[in-house]
Amino acid sequence: MPDSPDHLVIRLSTEAQKTVEFFNALAPGQWERTVYTEGSCWTVHQVLAHFVATEKAFRQLIENVLAGGSGAPEEFNIDSYNERKVAGLRDFSPDELMQQFEAQRQANIELVKRMGPQDLLKTGRHPFLGMTTLEEIIQLLYRHNQIHQRDMRRLPQAGEEPASQPG
């Protein structure tokens, strides 16, 4: 049975609060710890920037599919997009990024609040999932952050190797 828009709103809100709590609990020195070693070797700070960029991108994708669009173009390169968007946010402080994350997530929550159950069945292309329903795209929005937060919680102690892929 598909999730309802109301259920997805609750999940988006609950997971956003967990994300805020996670980042607010970090000590100043933890923001520059390396999380991933491939690509541009993202730090905790860059993962938060990635969350900000992802929130906006998901909203654009969801709006496209809601309006009858096909979603992301087949040639869309998610890795290049992520690298470019994270680099563009490098000068923002953690506090500024947290404010942006909360505002972007709230905008996504408001978008889902306006949806009906039938909207969740609309399909479009997500760059990672391929052709899928809006329900699955919205679920990925909060699951995506869960995956990255898990990776950050598992950061190695001094002398150990960090994770290899940002995803």
Foldseek 3Di string as FASTA:
>chain_A
DFDWLVVLLVLLVVLLVVVLVLVVPDDPVQQQCFAADPDPRDGNVLVLLLLLVLLVLLVVQLVCQLVVHQGDDQPDDPVVVSVVSSVVCVPDDPVRSSVSNVVSSVVVSVVSVPDGRVQQQGWHQDNVPGIDGNSVSSVCSSVLVVVSSVSSVPADDPPDDHHHDDD
